[in-house]
Amino acid sequence: MLLAVMTSAGAQNASNAEKFFDRLLTDFAVVSGTKCNGVTLLSPSVNLGYKLLPRMSLFLHTETLYGHYEEQKSYARTQVYGCGVGYTLWKADVLALEVRGTVAAGLSSEWKNVIYDAALMMKLGRGKIHMNVGVGFRHISSRTAGIDNYNGASFILGFGV
């Protein structure tokens, strides 16, 4: 009897660990933005998250933000760290629509800023690996003299696990 109880407890712990790892999320993407105040944006990004509820997730966010200044023919670069939340609006067999919000801060001395993102993401695929396509709005509040704030549409392409 004791052996049966121990075996079922071990199976339950393995099942809980499996559920934990099934809830982990990883997204890799490239985000591009429209031109605003003579600046065009491009940034590779990574999100590491956890699905709290079947439809809601929280994630840590990092990206390397490149701003191309057309008039000066130069680039500004900053490493950005932040967090976000996602909510699945609708899910079918191979398609899911998710709304995401992210807040992050650029910490380099070259371009200090705070980024606010809101996006509608479409996840395509079956199984663990899926493709992400999204469109959103990005506001960058610049904290560096000579670099204006940014407001523009953002376009996201990537994949998730």
Protein backbone atom coordinates (compact mmCIF):
# COMPACT_ATOMS: atom_id res chain seq x y z
CA MET A 1 0.00 0.00 0.00
CA LEU A 2 2.81 2.42 0.93
CA LEU A 3 4.54 1.60 -2.37
CA ALA A 4 1.34 2.44 -4.30
CA VAL A 5 1.02 5.82 -2.53
CA MET A 6 4.69 6.66 -3.17
CA THR A 7 4.39 5.69 -6.84
CA SER A 8 1.31 7.86 -7.37
CA ALA A 9 2.98 10.81 -5.56
CA GLY A 10 6.05 10.45 -7.79
CA ALA A 11 3.85 10.36 -10.89
CA GLN A 12 2.00 13.47 -9.71
CA ASN A 13 5.29 15.37 -9.20
CA ALA A 14 6.47 14.34 -12.69
CA SER A 15 3.13 15.47 -14.08
CA ASN A 16 3.41 18.85 -12.29
CA ALA A 17 6.95 19.36 -13.61
CA GLU A 18 5.76 18.51 -17.11
CA LYS A 19 2.91 21.01 -16.79
CA PHE A 20 5.39 23.69 -15.63
CA PHE A 21 7.61 23.22 -18.69
CA ASP A 22 4.58 23.13 -21.01
CA ARG A 23 3.65 26.61 -19.78
CA LEU A 24 7.04 28.19 -20.57
CA LEU A 25 7.07 30.46 -23.63
CA THR A 26 9.89 31.71 -25.84
CA ASP A 27 9.49 34.11 -28.76
CA PHE A 28 12.15 35.37 -31.18
CA ALA A 29 11.21 38.21 -33.50
CA VAL A 30 12.33 41.11 -35.64
CA VAL A 31 10.38 44.34 -35.15
CA SER A 32 10.37 47.06 -37.78
CA GLY A 33 8.78 50.48 -37.43
CA THR A 34 7.50 53.22 -39.70
CA LYS A 35 9.49 56.44 -40.08
CA CYS A 36 8.84 59.18 -37.50
CA ASN A 37 10.83 62.41 -37.08
CA GLY A 38 13.40 61.15 -39.61
CA VAL A 39 14.03 57.92 -37.65
CA THR A 40 13.36 54.37 -38.88
CA LEU A 41 13.50 51.51 -36.36
CA LEU A 42 14.65 47.91 -36.57
CA SER A 43 15.18 45.56 -33.62
CA PRO A 44 15.67 41.85 -32.97
CA SER A 45 13.88 40.81 -29.77
CA VAL A 46 13.42 37.87 -27.39
CA ASN A 47 10.53 37.21 -24.97
CA LEU A 48 10.78 34.61 -22.19
CA GLY A 49 7.48 34.00 -20.47
CA TYR A 50 5.11 31.84 -18.52
CA LYS A 51 1.46 31.06 -19.20
CA LEU A 52 -0.34 31.93 -15.93
CA LEU A 53 -3.79 31.00 -17.22
CA PRO A 54 -4.84 29.21 -20.42
CA ARG A 55 -5.32 32.61 -22.12
CA MET A 56 -2.94 34.92 -20.21
CA SER A 57 0.86 35.06 -20.11
CA LEU A 58 3.55 37.26 -18.58
CA PHE A 59 6.99 37.63 -20.15
CA LEU A 60 10.39 39.26 -19.81
CA HIS A 61 11.45 41.21 -22.88
CA THR A 62 14.81 42.22 -24.33
CA GLU A 63 15.74 43.73 -27.67
CA THR A 64 18.55 45.59 -29.37
CA LEU A 65 16.97 48.72 -30.80
CA TYR A 66 18.56 50.36 -33.85
CA GLY A 67 17.38 53.80 -34.92
CA HIS A 68 18.48 54.98 -38.38
CA TYR A 69 18.63 58.76 -38.74
CA GLU A 70 18.17 59.67 -42.38
CA GLU A 71 19.42 63.29 -42.19
CA GLN A 72 22.52 62.48 -40.18
CA LYS A 73 23.09 59.15 -42.02
CA SER A 74 23.88 57.49 -38.70
CA TYR A 75 22.52 54.90 -36.29
CA ALA A 76 21.77 54.96 -32.59
CA ARG A 77 21.70 51.66 -30.72
CA THR A 78 20.43 50.72 -27.30
CA GLN A 79 19.85 47.51 -25.36
CA VAL A 80 16.29 47.39 -24.04
CA TYR A 81 14.94 45.38 -21.07
CA GLY A 82 11.37 45.17 -19.84
CA CYS A 83 8.30 43.03 -19.31
CA GLY A 84 4.91 42.46 -20.85
CA VAL A 85 1.59 40.69 -20.77
CA GLY A 86 -0.27 38.74 -23.45
CA TYR A 87 -3.90 37.68 -23.70
CA THR A 88 -5.24 35.19 -26.26
CA LEU A 89 -8.45 36.56 -27.77
CA TRP A 90 -9.26 33.62 -30.01
CA LYS A 91 -7.72 30.21 -30.67
CA ALA A 92 -8.42 27.60 -33.35
CA ASP A 93 -6.55 24.53 -34.55
CA VAL A 94 -3.64 26.27 -36.32
CA LEU A 95 -4.35 29.93 -35.63
CA ALA A 96 -4.47 32.12 -32.51
CA LEU A 97 -4.95 35.87 -32.06
CA GLU A 98 -3.22 37.47 -29.11
CA VAL A 99 -3.06 41.01 -27.79
CA ARG A 100 0.25 42.05 -26.16
CA GLY A 101 1.47 45.02 -24.19
CA THR A 102 5.12 45.69 -23.35
CA VAL A 103 6.99 48.32 -21.35
CA ALA A 104 10.78 48.45 -21.58
CA ALA A 105 13.68 50.83 -20.95
CA GLY A 106 16.79 51.46 -23.01
CA LEU A 107 19.81 51.48 -20.74
CA SER A 108 22.76 52.39 -22.96
CA SER A 109 24.46 55.77 -22.75
CA GLU A 110 23.97 56.29 -26.50
CA TRP A 111 20.16 56.41 -26.43
CA LYS A 112 18.19 56.34 -23.18
CA ASN A 113 14.46 55.80 -23.63
CA VAL A 114 11.28 54.14 -22.40
CA ILE A 115 9.29 52.05 -24.88
CA TYR A 116 5.56 51.34 -24.78
CA ASP A 117 4.20 48.73 -27.20
CA ALA A 118 0.71 47.45 -27.96
CA ALA A 119 0.34 44.77 -30.64
CA LEU A 120 -2.07 42.29 -32.16
CA MET A 121 -0.24 39.03 -32.83
CA MET A 122 -1.28 36.14 -35.05
CA LYS A 123 0.26 32.78 -34.16
CA LEU A 124 0.33 30.24 -36.99
CA GLY A 125 1.19 26.58 -36.58
CA ARG A 126 0.55 23.32 -34.82
CA GLY A 127 2.53 21.81 -32.00
CA LYS A 128 5.20 23.57 -30.00
CA ILE A 129 6.79 25.71 -32.74
CA HIS A 130 4.71 28.43 -34.38
CA MET A 131 5.20 31.50 -36.54
CA ASN A 132 4.33 34.96 -35.17
CA VAL A 133 3.09 37.81 -37.35
CA GLY A 134 1.92 41.04 -35.78
CA VAL A 135 1.10 44.69 -36.15
CA GLY A 136 1.05 47.27 -33.40
CA PHE A 137 1.77 50.76 -32.16
CA ARG A 138 5.04 51.83 -30.54
CA HIS A 139 5.75 54.97 -28.52
CA ILE A 140 9.34 55.69 -27.52
CA SER A 141 9.85 58.42 -24.94
CA SER A 142 13.42 59.56 -25.56
CA ARG A 143 15.55 60.62 -22.59
CA THR A 144 18.53 61.68 -24.72
CA ALA A 145 19.10 65.27 -25.86
CA GLY A 146 18.86 65.67 -29.63
CA ILE A 147 16.75 62.52 -30.15
CA ASP A 148 13.02 63.14 -30.49
CA ASN A 149 10.22 60.91 -29.21
CA TYR A 150 8.94 58.27 -31.61
CA ASN A 151 5.35 57.28 -32.43
CA GLY A 152 4.65 54.79 -35.18
CA ALA A 153 3.30 51.51 -36.40
CA SER A 154 5.35 48.42 -35.71
CA PHE A 155 5.47 45.20 -37.70
CA ILE A 156 6.56 41.94 -36.07
CA LEU A 157 7.79 38.72 -37.71
CA GLY A 158 9.22 35.80 -35.79
CA PHE A 159 8.65 32.38 -34.28
CA GLY A 160 7.86 30.96 -30.88
CA VAL A 161 8.31 27.76 -28.95
